[in-house]
Amino acid sequence: MTHQERSYKIIETLVPDFAKRVKDWYEACIDNGIQLLIYCGYRSFEDQEKLYRQGRSDAGRVVTNARGGQSFHNYGRAIDYVPFNNGKAEWDDTKTYKKAQEIAKRHNLRAISWETPHLEDGNYKSWRDLNSPEKKQNVEIPHAKDTPIKTRKVGGRGINPR
C-alpha cells in the first residue's frame, strides 16, 4: 500500500463532513508539491486510554495529555500526519508542516501548538463541544467498528514537553 492509499484509507475513518475537508486539504497539499502521510484518524476511547497510559503507567514517553473521550480523534474529527519524502517520514521537517498548516486553515482545519502532526476540526472549540448532550454528534463513523485502530510506536513527534 502506498502512503497515499494509506492516507485515503485513514480519511475514510472520519465523519463525512470532516473527511471531505481533510480530503480537500490533502489534495491541495499534493497540488502544492507537498507529500504527506496521514497515519491516524478515528481512535476509540480504549485506544486513546492506551496512548494516555504510555509514559505514565506503561513504558515509553508521554505522547498525549488526552484521556479516552477527550480527543477530537475519538469523534472522528482529527488526523495525525507527517511529511513523507523519498519513501520515508520526515518528522523534523518544520518547513513542510508550516506549509501544510497554512493550507489547512483554508479548510477550517486547526493545528495545535503542542502537537505538530495534529489537525482537528475548526468548527468546534474543544472536545467538550463534541461530547456535550446538546451538541452530541450522532453521526456514524464509517468503518469505526470494522477497522481495528493500531496505536503507533513512538518514533516521531508527539506532545512537546514544556
Foldseek 3Di string as FASTA:
>chain_A
DDLVVQQLVQLLQAFVVLSVLVVVLQVVCVVVVFAKHWQHFADALVRQQVLCCDCPVHDDNRFDPAHRLFDLSPRRFKIFMATAPPHHGDQPPVVSLVVSQVSSVVSQWHDDDFASRMTGHNVDPGSVQCVPPVNDDPTDRPCPVPDDRDDDDDDHTGGDDD
